[in-house]
Each structure stands twice: as structure tokens, then as C-alpha cells.
Amino acid sequence: MGAFREQGLRLDELRWDARGLIPVVVQDVADGAVLMLAYANREALERTLETGLAHFWSRSRRRLWQKGESSGHVLHVEEIRYDCDGDALLYRVRPRGPTCHTGERSCFFRRL
């Protein structure tokens, strides 16, 4: 997580939405697969930086949560990137187990 801070970005420079959230795309660092999309608030991002485990803000439960807190299927964050506008994050992770609550590897297992 040090690389994120070494680049000199301050969290208040990120473009949080009106609710104080920022979208987070989660990608498997091993093969580039997109695993999920979630949202983080400042506290979730700070917890992720501190622990190396992915934390998010649940919009439905209105609370902070660590991915895998009940299933054990945690996401070890190897790198955090942010987009050119500073309004989206990319967590590059090493997942322990499936990412989707359905048991699928990725939340993006369905096709149109």
C-alpha cells in the first residue's frame, strides 16, 4: 500500500461523489479478471491502506465492511490505482476464494 502514498496523492484530492463515495473496480492481479464493483468512502479506503485487505462502504447496509468478513474470502490488495479524473479507484488484488456472494469467482459471471 505504500506505493499509493509514495505517489503523493492525498485522499482529499480524490473526487468523492455527493454521498462521499468513490467507485472501486476490483481486479485479480494474477490474470486481470474483473471481480467486482463496489464503493468506498474515505474510512474504507483508509482501512484498506492500513490493513492491506479490501474494505468498502455498503450502500444497502449503510456501513463499512471488509470483503470476506463472514465468508473468509478476503481480498488482499496488492496495488491501488486511480483514474485520470481521480473519481474511480482500481484495487488489484489476490483473492482468497470466490469473490461473488453467489460463490462465483467474479460478480460478472452473467452475459446479456
PDB file of N, CA and C in Angstrom:
ATOM      1  N   MET A   1       0.813  -1.191   0.000  1.00  0.00           N
ATOM      2  CA  MET A   1       0.000   0.000   0.000  1.00  0.00           C
ATOM      3  C   MET A   1       0.856   1.255   0.000  1.00  0.00           C
ATOM      4  N   GLY A   2       2.138   1.090   0.274  1.00  0.00           N
ATOM      5  CA  GLY A   2       2.997   2.249   0.316  1.00  0.00           C
ATOM      6  C   GLY A   2       3.097   2.991  -0.998  1.00  0.00           C
ATOM      7  N   ALA A   3       2.977   2.271  -2.126  1.00  0.00           N
ATOM      8  CA  ALA A   3       3.109   2.912  -3.437  1.00  0.00           C
ATOM      9  C   ALA A   3       2.053   3.983  -3.642  1.00  0.00           C
ATOM     10  N   PHE A   4       0.865   3.755  -3.124  1.00  0.00           N
ATOM     11  CA  PHE A   4      -0.221   4.734  -3.253  1.00  0.00           C
ATOM     12  C   PHE A   4       0.173   6.026  -2.558  1.00  0.00           C
ATOM     13  N   ARG A   5       0.673   5.906  -1.357  1.00  0.00           N
ATOM     14  CA  ARG A   5       1.061   7.091  -0.595  1.00  0.00           C
ATOM     15  C   ARG A   5       2.337   7.727  -1.142  1.00  0.00           C
ATOM     16  N   GLU A   6       3.248   6.899  -1.672  1.00  0.00           N
ATOM     17  CA  GLU A   6       4.501   7.418  -2.204  1.00  0.00           C
ATOM     18  C   GLU A   6       4.268   8.331  -3.395  1.00  0.00           C
ATOM     19  N   GLN A   7       3.175   8.137  -4.121  1.00  0.00           N
ATOM     20  CA  GLN A   7       2.901   8.966  -5.282  1.00  0.00           C
ATOM     21  C   GLN A   7       2.441  10.365  -4.875  1.00  0.00           C
ATOM     22  N   GLY A   8       2.227  10.576  -3.597  1.00  0.00           N
ATOM     23  CA  GLY A   8       1.917  11.901  -3.115  1.00  0.00           C
ATOM     24  C   GLY A   8       0.453  12.292  -3.197  1.00  0.00           C
ATOM     25  N   LEU A   9      -0.408  11.376  -3.576  1.00  0.00           N
ATOM     26  CA  LEU A   9      -1.834  11.701  -3.637  1.00  0.00           C
ATOM     27  C   LEU A   9      -2.388  11.786  -2.220  1.00  0.00           C
ATOM     28  N   ARG A  10      -3.108  12.841  -1.967  1.00  0.00           N
ATOM     29  CA  ARG A  10      -3.819  12.967  -0.697  1.00  0.00           C
ATOM     30  C   ARG A  10      -5.248  12.533  -0.940  1.00  0.00           C
ATOM     31  N   LEU A  11      -5.838  11.883   0.039  1.00  0.00           N
ATOM     32  CA  LEU A  11      -7.192  11.363  -0.125  1.00  0.00           C
ATOM     33  C   LEU A  11      -8.195  12.465  -0.426  1.00  0.00           C
ATOM     34  N   ASP A  12      -7.944  13.669   0.073  1.00  0.00           N
ATOM     35  CA  ASP A  12      -8.895  14.746  -0.194  1.00  0.00           C
ATOM     36  C   ASP A  12      -8.794  15.267  -1.627  1.00  0.00           C
ATOM     37  N   GLU A  13      -7.796  14.811  -2.386  1.00  0.00           N
ATOM     38  CA  GLU A  13      -7.698  15.165  -3.798  1.00  0.00           C
ATOM     39  C   GLU A  13      -8.553  14.246  -4.676  1.00  0.00           C
ATOM     40  N   LEU A  14      -8.994  13.124  -4.134  1.00  0.00           N
ATOM     41  CA  LEU A  14      -9.887  12.257  -4.889  1.00  0.00           C
ATOM     42  C   LEU A  14     -11.235  12.940  -5.036  1.00  0.00           C
ATOM     43  N   ARG A  15     -11.955  12.612  -6.087  1.00  0.00           N
ATOM     44  CA  ARG A  15     -13.253  13.233  -6.355  1.00  0.00           C
ATOM     45  C   ARG A  15     -14.355  12.313  -5.842  1.00  0.00           C
ATOM     46  N   TRP A  16     -14.742  12.511  -4.605  1.00  0.00           N
ATOM     47  CA  TRP A  16     -15.803  11.741  -3.968  1.00  0.00           C
ATOM     48  C   TRP A  16     -17.147  12.258  -4.479  1.00  0.00           C
ATOM     49  N   ASP A  17     -18.154  11.382  -4.587  1.00  0.00           N
ATOM     50  CA  ASP A  17     -19.466  11.863  -5.033  1.00  0.00           C
ATOM     51  C   ASP A  17     -20.168  12.599  -3.892  1.00  0.00           C
ATOM     52  N   ALA A  18     -21.397  13.020  -4.129  1.00  0.00           N
ATOM     53  CA  ALA A  18     -22.139  13.814  -3.143  1.00  0.00           C
ATOM     54  C   ALA A  18     -22.366  13.053  -1.839  1.00  0.00           C
ATOM     55  N   ARG A  19     -22.332  11.723  -1.908  1.00  0.00           N
ATOM     56  CA  ARG A  19     -22.505  10.902  -0.697  1.00  0.00           C
ATOM     57  C   ARG A  19     -21.175  10.586  -0.022  1.00  0.00           C
ATOM     58  N   GLY A  20     -20.089  11.095  -0.590  1.00  0.00           N
ATOM     59  CA  GLY A  20     -18.761  10.814  -0.033  1.00  0.00           C
ATOM     60  C   GLY A  20     -18.215   9.467  -0.465  1.00  0.00           C
ATOM     61  N   LEU A  21     -18.681   8.967  -1.619  1.00  0.00           N
ATOM     62  CA  LEU A  21     -18.272   7.653  -2.109  1.00  0.00           C
ATOM     63  C   LEU A  21     -17.495   7.763  -3.407  1.00  0.00           C
ATOM     64  N   ILE A  22     -16.725   6.720  -3.687  1.00  0.00           N
ATOM     65  CA  ILE A  22     -15.995   6.609  -4.943  1.00  0.00           C
ATOM     66  C   ILE A  22     -16.121   5.157  -5.411  1.00  0.00           C
ATOM     67  N   PRO A  23     -16.391   4.919  -6.708  1.00  0.00           N
ATOM     68  CA  PRO A  23     -16.491   3.543  -7.190  1.00  0.00           C
ATOM     69  C   PRO A  23     -15.120   2.866  -7.210  1.00  0.00           C
ATOM     70  N   VAL A  24     -15.137   1.565  -6.918  1.00  0.00           N
ATOM     71  CA  VAL A  24     -13.913   0.775  -6.882  1.00  0.00           C
ATOM     72  C   VAL A  24     -14.099  -0.454  -7.768  1.00  0.00           C
ATOM     73  N   VAL A  25     -13.294  -0.553  -8.812  1.00  0.00           N
ATOM     74  CA  VAL A  25     -13.250  -1.756  -9.632  1.00  0.00           C
ATOM     75  C   VAL A  25     -12.204  -2.665  -8.998  1.00  0.00           C
ATOM     76  N   VAL A  26     -12.557  -3.945  -8.845  1.00  0.00           N
ATOM     77  CA  VAL A  26     -11.644  -4.900  -8.217  1.00  0.00           C
ATOM     78  C   VAL A  26     -11.196  -5.894  -9.285  1.00  0.00           C
ATOM     79  N   GLN A  27      -9.873  -6.005  -9.439  1.00  0.00           N
ATOM     80  CA  GLN A  27      -9.285  -6.829 -10.496  1.00  0.00           C
ATOM     81  C   GLN A  27      -8.295  -7.819  -9.901  1.00  0.00           C
ATOM     82  N   ASP A  28      -8.327  -9.059 -10.393  1.00  0.00           N
ATOM     83  CA  ASP A  28      -7.364 -10.073  -9.973  1.00  0.00           C
ATOM     84  C   ASP A  28      -6.009  -9.716 -10.562  1.00  0.00           C
ATOM     85  N   VAL A  29      -5.024  -9.525  -9.724  1.00  0.00           N
ATOM     86  CA  VAL A  29      -3.693  -9.130 -10.185  1.00  0.00           C
ATOM     87  C   VAL A  29      -3.036 -10.244 -10.993  1.00  0.00           C
ATOM     88  N   ALA A  30      -3.422 -11.497 -10.770  1.00  0.00           N
ATOM     89  CA  ALA A  30      -2.791 -12.623 -11.452  1.00  0.00           C
ATOM     90  C   ALA A  30      -3.159 -12.709 -12.934  1.00  0.00           C
ATOM     91  N   ASP A  31      -4.439 -12.482 -13.259  1.00  0.00           N
ATOM     92  CA  ASP A  31      -4.858 -12.662 -14.650  1.00  0.00           C
ATOM     93  C   ASP A  31      -5.663 -11.497 -15.225  1.00  0.00           C
ATOM     94  N   GLY A  32      -5.867 -10.458 -14.458  1.00  0.00           N
ATOM     95  CA  GLY A  32      -6.571  -9.280 -14.957  1.00  0.00           C
ATOM     96  C   GLY A  32      -8.084  -9.379 -14.945  1.00  0.00           C
ATOM     97  N   ALA A  33      -8.640 -10.481 -14.459  1.00  0.00           N
ATOM     98  CA  ALA A  33     -10.094 -10.637 -14.435  1.00  0.00           C
ATOM     99  C   ALA A  33     -10.726  -9.585 -13.531  1.00  0.00           C
ATOM    100  N   VAL A  34     -11.826  -9.000 -14.002  1.00  0.00           N
ATOM    101  CA  VAL A  34     -12.585  -8.068 -13.179  1.00  0.00           C
ATOM    102  C   VAL A  34     -13.461  -8.900 -12.250  1.00  0.00           C
ATOM    103  N   LEU A  35     -13.330  -8.675 -10.963  1.00  0.00           N
ATOM    104  CA  LEU A  35     -14.023  -9.499  -9.972  1.00  0.00           C
ATOM    105  C   LEU A  35     -15.293  -8.862  -9.432  1.00  0.00           C
ATOM    106  N   MET A  36     -15.288  -7.557  -9.231  1.00  0.00           N
ATOM    107  CA  MET A  36     -16.457  -6.898  -8.667  1.00  0.00           C
ATOM    108  C   MET A  36     -16.344  -5.389  -8.810  1.00  0.00           C
ATOM    109  N   LEU A  37     -17.455  -4.732  -8.562  1.00  0.00           N
ATOM    110  CA  LEU A  37     -17.517  -3.280  -8.460  1.00  0.00           C
ATOM    111  C   LEU A  37     -18.159  -2.974  -7.121  1.00  0.00           C
ATOM    112  N   ALA A  38     -17.537  -2.100  -6.373  1.00  0.00           N
ATOM    113  CA  ALA A  38     -18.078  -1.713  -5.065  1.00  0.00           C
ATOM    114  C   ALA A  38     -17.799  -0.226  -4.873  1.00  0.00           C
ATOM    115  N   TYR A  39     -18.132   0.271  -3.705  1.00  0.00           N
ATOM    116  CA  TYR A  39     -17.910   1.683  -3.393  1.00  0.00           C
ATOM    117  C   TYR A  39     -17.128   1.793  -2.091  1.00  0.00           C
ATOM    118  N   ALA A  40     -16.300   2.816  -2.014  1.00  0.00           N
ATOM    119  CA  ALA A  40     -15.553   3.088  -0.793  1.00  0.00           C
ATOM    120  C   ALA A  40     -15.822   4.517  -0.368  1.00  0.00           C
ATOM    121  N   ASN A  41     -15.856   4.706   0.935  1.00  0.00           N
ATOM    122  CA  ASN A  41     -15.802   6.066   1.463  1.00  0.00           C
ATOM    123  C   ASN A  41     -14.375   6.264   1.970  1.00  0.00           C
ATOM    124  N   ARG A  42     -14.112   7.409   2.520  1.00  0.00           N
ATOM    125  CA  ARG A  42     -12.747   7.704   2.975  1.00  0.00           C
ATOM    126  C   ARG A  42     -12.281   6.693   4.024  1.00  0.00           C
ATOM    127  N   GLU A  43     -13.144   6.360   4.980  1.00  0.00           N
ATOM    128  CA  GLU A  43     -12.764   5.411   6.027  1.00  0.00           C
ATOM    129  C   GLU A  43     -12.434   4.039   5.443  1.00  0.00           C
ATOM    130  N   ALA A  44     -13.235   3.574   4.477  1.00  0.00           N
ATOM    131  CA  ALA A  44     -12.979   2.273   3.861  1.00  0.00           C
ATOM    132  C   ALA A  44     -11.621   2.274   3.151  1.00  0.00           C
ATOM    133  N   LEU A  45     -11.323   3.343   2.444  1.00  0.00           N
ATOM    134  CA  LEU A  45     -10.038   3.437   1.754  1.00  0.00           C
ATOM    135  C   LEU A  45      -8.890   3.479   2.760  1.00  0.00           C
ATOM    136  N   GLU A  46      -9.054   4.236   3.825  1.00  0.00           N
ATOM    137  CA  GLU A  46      -8.010   4.302   4.851  1.00  0.00           C
ATOM    138  C   GLU A  46      -7.777   2.934   5.481  1.00  0.00           C
ATOM    139  N   ARG A  47      -8.855   2.198   5.785  1.00  0.00           N
ATOM    140  CA  ARG A  47      -8.730   0.851   6.364  1.00  0.00           C
ATOM    141  C   ARG A  47      -8.035  -0.100   5.395  1.00  0.00           C
ATOM    142  N   THR A  48      -8.353   0.044   4.106  1.00  0.00           N
ATOM    143  CA  THR A  48      -7.691  -0.779   3.089  1.00  0.00           C
ATOM    144  C   THR A  48      -6.203  -0.488   3.070  1.00  0.00           C
ATOM    145  N   LEU A  49      -5.839   0.780   3.094  1.00  0.00           N
ATOM    146  CA  LEU A  49      -4.429   1.163   3.094  1.00  0.00           C
ATOM    147  C   LEU A  49      -3.714   0.665   4.346  1.00  0.00           C
ATOM    148  N   GLU A  50      -4.381   0.711   5.480  1.00  0.00           N
ATOM    149  CA  GLU A  50      -3.780   0.293   6.754  1.00  0.00           C
ATOM    150  C   GLU A  50      -3.593  -1.211   6.843  1.00  0.00           C
ATOM    151  N   THR A  51      -4.577  -1.985   6.372  1.00  0.00           N
ATOM    152  CA  THR A  51      -4.585  -3.434   6.597  1.00  0.00           C
ATOM    153  C   THR A  51      -4.130  -4.263   5.404  1.00  0.00           C
ATOM    154  N   GLY A  52      -4.228  -3.699   4.198  1.00  0.00           N
ATOM    155  CA  GLY A  52      -3.930  -4.476   3.004  1.00  0.00           C
ATOM    156  C   GLY A  52      -5.070  -5.386   2.582  1.00  0.00           C
ATOM    157  N   LEU A  53      -6.201  -5.301   3.276  1.00  0.00           N
ATOM    158  CA  LEU A  53      -7.400  -6.061   2.936  1.00  0.00           C
ATOM    159  C   LEU A  53      -8.462  -5.091   2.436  1.00  0.00           C
ATOM    160  N   ALA A  54      -9.229  -5.511   1.433  1.00  0.00           N
ATOM    161  CA  ALA A  54     -10.217  -4.632   0.817  1.00  0.00           C
ATOM    162  C   ALA A  54     -11.378  -4.352   1.759  1.00  0.00           C
ATOM    163  N   HIS A  55     -11.637  -3.076   1.972  1.00  0.00           N
ATOM    164  CA  HIS A  55     -12.782  -2.590   2.741  1.00  0.00           C
ATOM    165  C   HIS A  55     -13.620  -1.706   1.831  1.00  0.00           C
ATOM    166  N   PHE A  56     -14.923  -1.731   2.050  1.00  0.00           N
ATOM    167  CA  PHE A  56     -15.851  -0.975   1.222  1.00  0.00           C
ATOM    168  C   PHE A  56     -16.930  -0.358   2.099  1.00  0.00           C
ATOM    169  N   TRP A  57     -17.749   0.493   1.467  1.00  0.00           N
ATOM    170  CA  TRP A  57     -18.930   1.033   2.112  1.00  0.00           C
ATOM    171  C   TRP A  57     -20.132   0.360   1.475  1.00  0.00           C
ATOM    172  N   SER A  58     -20.951  -0.286   2.299  1.00  0.00           N
ATOM    173  CA  SER A  58     -22.170  -0.926   1.801  1.00  0.00           C
ATOM    174  C   SER A  58     -23.271   0.125   1.708  1.00  0.00           C
ATOM    175  N   ARG A  59     -23.731   0.374   0.490  1.00  0.00           N
ATOM    176  CA  ARG A  59     -24.797   1.362   0.302  1.00  0.00           C
ATOM    177  C   ARG A  59     -26.121   0.834   0.828  1.00  0.00           C
ATOM    178  N   SER A  60     -26.337  -0.473   0.762  1.00  0.00           N
ATOM    179  CA  SER A  60     -27.604  -1.036   1.241  1.00  0.00           C
ATOM    180  C   SER A  60     -27.645  -1.156   2.760  1.00  0.00           C
ATOM    181  N   ARG A  61     -26.532  -1.587   3.351  1.00  0.00           N
ATOM    182  CA  ARG A  61     -26.482  -1.744   4.819  1.00  0.00           C
ATOM    183  C   ARG A  61     -26.026  -0.471   5.528  1.00  0.00           C
ATOM    184  N   ARG A  62     -25.538   0.468   4.734  1.00  0.00           N
ATOM    185  CA  ARG A  62     -25.055   1.747   5.260  1.00  0.00           C
ATOM    186  C   ARG A  62     -24.007   1.569   6.351  1.00  0.00           C
ATOM    187  N   ARG A  63     -23.021   0.749   6.019  1.00  0.00           N
ATOM    188  CA  ARG A  63     -21.934   0.540   6.976  1.00  0.00           C
ATOM    189  C   ARG A  63     -20.665   0.092   6.260  1.00  0.00           C
ATOM    190  N   LEU A  64     -19.559   0.281   6.945  1.00  0.00           N
ATOM    191  CA  LEU A  64     -18.264  -0.177   6.474  1.00  0.00           C
ATOM    192  C   LEU A  64     -18.220  -1.696   6.543  1.00  0.00           C
ATOM    193  N   TRP A  65     -17.606  -2.351   5.561  1.00  0.00           N
ATOM    194  CA  TRP A  65     -17.425  -3.797   5.632  1.00  0.00           C
ATOM    195  C   TRP A  65     -16.127  -4.205   4.970  1.00  0.00           C
ATOM    196  N   GLN A  66     -15.558  -5.250   5.519  1.00  0.00           N
ATOM    197  CA  GLN A  66     -14.362  -5.856   4.932  1.00  0.00           C
ATOM    198  C   GLN A  66     -14.826  -7.017   4.086  1.00  0.00           C
ATOM    199  N   LYS A  67     -14.417  -7.068   2.833  1.00  0.00           N
ATOM    200  CA  LYS A  67     -14.781  -8.181   1.971  1.00  0.00           C
ATOM    201  C   LYS A  67     -14.267  -9.462   2.608  1.00  0.00           C
ATOM    202  N   GLY A  68     -15.160 -10.429   2.766  1.00  0.00           N
ATOM    203  CA  GLY A  68     -14.785 -11.714   3.343  1.00  0.00           C
ATOM    204  C   GLY A  68     -14.915 -11.782   4.849  1.00  0.00           C
ATOM    205  N   GLU A  69     -15.480 -10.745   5.473  1.00  0.00           N
ATOM    206  CA  GLU A  69     -15.567 -10.753   6.933  1.00  0.00           C
ATOM    207  C   GLU A  69     -16.410 -11.911   7.456  1.00  0.00           C
ATOM    208  N   SER A  70     -17.390 -12.371   6.695  1.00  0.00           N
ATOM    209  CA  SER A  70     -18.171 -13.527   7.156  1.00  0.00           C
ATOM    210  C   SER A  70     -17.794 -14.808   6.407  1.00  0.00           C
ATOM    211  N   SER A  71     -17.429 -14.715   5.137  1.00  0.00           N
ATOM    212  CA  SER A  71     -17.120 -15.908   4.337  1.00  0.00           C
ATOM    213  C   SER A  71     -15.668 -16.359   4.458  1.00  0.00           C
ATOM    214  N   GLY A  72     -14.798 -15.436   4.825  1.00  0.00           N
ATOM    215  CA  GLY A  72     -13.374 -15.747   4.826  1.00  0.00           C
ATOM    216  C   GLY A  72     -12.720 -15.527   3.468  1.00  0.00           C
ATOM    217  N   HIS A  73     -13.503 -15.145   2.462  1.00  0.00           N
ATOM    218  CA  HIS A  73     -12.992 -14.923   1.110  1.00  0.00           C
ATOM    219  C   HIS A  73     -12.503 -13.484   0.967  1.00  0.00           C
ATOM    220  N   VAL A  74     -11.401 -13.202   1.627  1.00  0.00           N
ATOM    221  CA  VAL A  74     -10.865 -11.846   1.659  1.00  0.00           C
ATOM    222  C   VAL A  74     -10.142 -11.514   0.364  1.00  0.00           C
ATOM    223  N   LEU A  75      -9.935 -10.227   0.152  1.00  0.00           N
ATOM    224  CA  LEU A  75      -9.191  -9.717  -0.986  1.00  0.00           C
ATOM    225  C   LEU A  75      -7.933  -9.033  -0.460  1.00  0.00           C
ATOM    226  N   HIS A  76      -6.783  -9.599  -0.772  1.00  0.00           N
ATOM    227  CA  HIS A  76      -5.505  -8.998  -0.394  1.00  0.00           C
ATOM    228  C   HIS A  76      -5.140  -7.976  -1.463  1.00  0.00           C
ATOM    229  N   VAL A  77      -5.080  -6.721  -1.084  1.00  0.00           N
ATOM    230  CA  VAL A  77      -4.843  -5.645  -2.040  1.00  0.00           C
ATOM    231  C   VAL A  77      -3.342  -5.484  -2.263  1.00  0.00           C
ATOM    232  N   GLU A  78      -2.942  -5.679  -3.518  1.00  0.00           N
ATOM    233  CA  GLU A  78      -1.538  -5.551  -3.904  1.00  0.00           C
ATOM    234  C   GLU A  78      -1.207  -4.126  -4.354  1.00  0.00           C
ATOM    235  N   GLU A  79      -2.195  -3.480  -4.956  1.00  0.00           N
ATOM    236  CA  GLU A  79      -1.949  -2.157  -5.530  1.00  0.00           C
ATOM    237  C   GLU A  79      -3.276  -1.423  -5.640  1.00  0.00           C
ATOM    238  N   ILE A  80      -3.227  -0.114  -5.467  1.00  0.00           N
ATOM    239  CA  ILE A  80      -4.402   0.730  -5.700  1.00  0.00           C
ATOM    240  C   ILE A  80      -4.018   1.763  -6.741  1.00  0.00           C
ATOM    241  N   ARG A  81      -4.829   1.834  -7.778  1.00  0.00           N
ATOM    242  CA  ARG A  81      -4.647   2.855  -8.810  1.00  0.00           C
ATOM    243  C   ARG A  81      -5.871   3.752  -8.814  1.00  0.00           C
ATOM    244  N   TYR A  82      -5.715   4.931  -9.353  1.00  0.00           N
ATOM    245  CA  TYR A  82      -6.853   5.834  -9.515  1.00  0.00           C
ATOM    246  C   TYR A  82      -6.838   6.350 -10.943  1.00  0.00           C
ATOM    247  N   ASP A  83      -8.013   6.691 -11.454  1.00  0.00           N
ATOM    248  CA  ASP A  83      -8.111   7.104 -12.849  1.00  0.00           C
ATOM    249  C   ASP A  83      -7.669   8.555 -13.028  1.00  0.00           C
ATOM    250  N   CYS A  84      -7.615   8.974 -14.302  1.00  0.00           N
ATOM    251  CA  CYS A  84      -7.094  10.295 -14.644  1.00  0.00           C
ATOM    252  C   CYS A  84      -7.902  11.437 -14.040  1.00  0.00           C
ATOM    253  N   ASP A  85      -9.188  11.205 -13.779  1.00  0.00           N
ATOM    254  CA  ASP A  85     -10.034  12.236 -13.177  1.00  0.00           C
ATOM    255  C   ASP A  85     -10.049  12.172 -11.652  1.00  0.00           C
ATOM    256  N   GLY A  86      -9.474  11.119 -11.090  1.00  0.00           N
ATOM    257  CA  GLY A  86      -9.472  10.961  -9.637  1.00  0.00           C
ATOM    258  C   GLY A  86     -10.839  10.621  -9.074  1.00  0.00           C
ATOM    259  N   ASP A  87     -11.735  10.090  -9.936  1.00  0.00           N
ATOM    260  CA  ASP A  87     -13.083   9.789  -9.442  1.00  0.00           C
ATOM    261  C   ASP A  87     -13.443   8.303  -9.490  1.00  0.00           C
ATOM    262  N   ALA A  88     -12.432   7.446  -9.642  1.00  0.00           N
ATOM    263  CA  ALA A  88     -12.634   5.999  -9.591  1.00  0.00           C
ATOM    264  C   ALA A  88     -11.325   5.347  -9.173  1.00  0.00           C
ATOM    265  N   LEU A  89     -11.444   4.245  -8.454  1.00  0.00           N
ATOM    266  CA  LEU A  89     -10.278   3.503  -7.984  1.00  0.00           C
ATOM    267  C   LEU A  89     -10.257   2.114  -8.603  1.00  0.00           C
ATOM    268  N   LEU A  90      -9.063   1.554  -8.685  1.00  0.00           N
ATOM    269  CA  LEU A  90      -8.856   0.178  -9.110  1.00  0.00           C
ATOM    270  C   LEU A  90      -8.055  -0.513  -8.023  1.00  0.00           C
ATOM    271  N   TYR A  91      -8.652  -1.537  -7.405  1.00  0.00           N
ATOM    272  CA  TYR A  91      -7.922  -2.368  -6.449  1.00  0.00           C
ATOM    273  C   TYR A  91      -7.437  -3.587  -7.218  1.00  0.00           C
ATOM    274  N   ARG A  92      -6.126  -3.790  -7.276  1.00  0.00           N
ATOM    275  CA  ARG A  92      -5.557  -5.005  -7.872  1.00  0.00           C
ATOM    276  C   ARG A  92      -5.279  -5.944  -6.712  1.00  0.00           C
ATOM    277  N   VAL A  93      -5.929  -7.105  -6.737  1.00  0.00           N
ATOM    278  CA  VAL A  93      -5.985  -7.956  -5.554  1.00  0.00           C
ATOM    279  C   VAL A  93      -5.559  -9.398  -5.829  1.00  0.00           C
ATOM    280  N   ARG A  94      -5.283 -10.095  -4.743  1.00  0.00           N
ATOM    281  CA  ARG A  94      -5.122 -11.548  -4.740  1.00  0.00           C
ATOM    282  C   ARG A  94      -6.276 -12.074  -3.888  1.00  0.00           C
ATOM    283  N   PRO A  95      -7.287 -12.647  -4.537  1.00  0.00           N
ATOM    284  CA  PRO A  95      -8.448 -13.125  -3.781  1.00  0.00           C
ATOM    285  C   PRO A  95      -8.171 -14.457  -3.093  1.00  0.00           C
ATOM    286  N   ARG A  96      -8.772 -14.631  -1.932  1.00  0.00           N
ATOM    287  CA  ARG A  96      -8.759 -15.930  -1.265  1.00  0.00           C
ATOM    288  C   ARG A  96     -10.173 -16.487  -1.390  1.00  0.00           C
ATOM    289  N   GLY A  97     -10.384 -17.321  -2.373  1.00  0.00           N
ATOM    290  CA  GLY A  97     -11.705 -17.888  -2.613  1.00  0.00           C
ATOM    291  C   GLY A  97     -12.487 -17.051  -3.604  1.00  0.00           C
ATOM    292  N   PRO A  98     -13.739 -17.448  -3.855  1.00  0.00           N
ATOM    293  CA  PRO A  98     -14.575 -16.708  -4.800  1.00  0.00           C
ATOM    294  C   PRO A  98     -14.889 -15.317  -4.273  1.00  0.00           C
ATOM    295  N   THR A  99     -15.082 -14.382  -5.198  1.00  0.00           N
ATOM    296  CA  THR A  99     -15.372 -13.007  -4.815  1.00  0.00           C
ATOM    297  C   THR A  99     -16.865 -12.753  -4.663  1.00  0.00           C
ATOM    298  N   CYS A 100     -17.680 -13.342  -5.534  1.00  0.00           N
ATOM    299  CA  CYS A 100     -19.115 -13.083  -5.516  1.00  0.00           C
ATOM    300  C   CYS A 100     -19.810 -13.819  -4.376  1.00  0.00           C
ATOM    301  N   HIS A 101     -20.818 -13.179  -3.810  1.00  0.00           N
ATOM    302  CA  HIS A 101     -21.577 -13.811  -2.717  1.00  0.00           C
ATOM    303  C   HIS A 101     -22.340 -15.051  -3.183  1.00  0.00           C
ATOM    304  N   THR A 102     -22.482 -15.228  -4.504  1.00  0.00           N
ATOM    305  CA  THR A 102     -23.161 -16.419  -5.051  1.00  0.00           C
ATOM    306  C   THR A 102     -22.249 -17.635  -5.070  1.00  0.00           C
ATOM    307  N   GLY A 103     -20.959 -17.411  -4.825  1.00  0.00           N
ATOM    308  CA  GLY A 103     -19.981 -18.491  -4.905  1.00  0.00           C
ATOM    309  C   GLY A 103     -19.201 -18.489  -6.213  1.00  0.00           C
ATOM    310  N   GLU A 104     -19.590 -17.611  -7.139  1.00  0.00           N
ATOM    311  CA  GLU A 104     -18.856 -17.480  -8.396  1.00  0.00           C
ATOM    312  C   GLU A 104     -17.543 -16.742  -8.159  1.00  0.00           C
ATOM    313  N   ARG A 105     -16.572 -17.024  -9.003  1.00  0.00           N
ATOM    314  CA  ARG A 105     -15.268 -16.360  -8.885  1.00  0.00           C
ATOM    315  C   ARG A 105     -15.399 -14.850  -9.000  1.00  0.00           C
ATOM    316  N   SER A 106     -16.220 -14.393  -9.950  1.00  0.00           N
ATOM    317  CA  SER A 106     -16.422 -12.972 -10.229  1.00  0.00           C
ATOM    318  C   SER A 106     -17.907 -12.651 -10.159  1.00  0.00           C
ATOM    319  N   CYS A 107     -18.221 -11.430  -9.780  1.00  0.00           N
ATOM    320  CA  CYS A 107     -19.621 -10.985  -9.801  1.00  0.00           C
ATOM    321  C   CYS A 107     -20.116 -10.803 -11.237  1.00  0.00           C
ATOM    322  N   PHE A 108     -19.199 -10.776 -12.197  1.00  0.00           N
ATOM    323  CA  PHE A 108     -19.556 -10.573 -13.599  1.00  0.00           C
ATOM    324  C   PHE A 108     -19.575 -11.914 -14.336  1.00  0.00           C
ATOM    325  N   PHE A 109     -20.380 -12.842 -13.875  1.00  0.00           N
ATOM    326  CA  PHE A 109     -20.454 -14.173 -14.495  1.00  0.00           C
ATOM    327  C   PHE A 109     -21.625 -14.313 -15.453  1.00  0.00           C
ATOM    328  N   ARG A 110     -22.526 -13.332 -15.517  1.00  0.00           N
ATOM    329  CA  ARG A 110     -23.691 -13.403 -16.409  1.00  0.00           C
ATOM    330  C   ARG A 110     -23.449 -12.597 -17.672  1.00  0.00           C
ATOM    331  N   ARG A 111     -24.060 -13.019 -18.762  1.00  0.00           N
ATOM    332  CA  ARG A 111     -23.932 -12.315 -20.044  1.00  0.00           C
ATOM    333  C   ARG A 111     -25.285 -11.806 -20.486  1.00  0.00           C
ATOM    334  N   LEU A 112     -25.290 -10.712 -21.224  1.00  0.00           N
ATOM    335  CA  LEU A 112     -26.501 -10.191 -21.849  1.00  0.00           C
ATOM    336  C   LEU A 112     -26.744 -10.947 -23.141  1.00  0.00           C
TER     337      LEU A 112
END
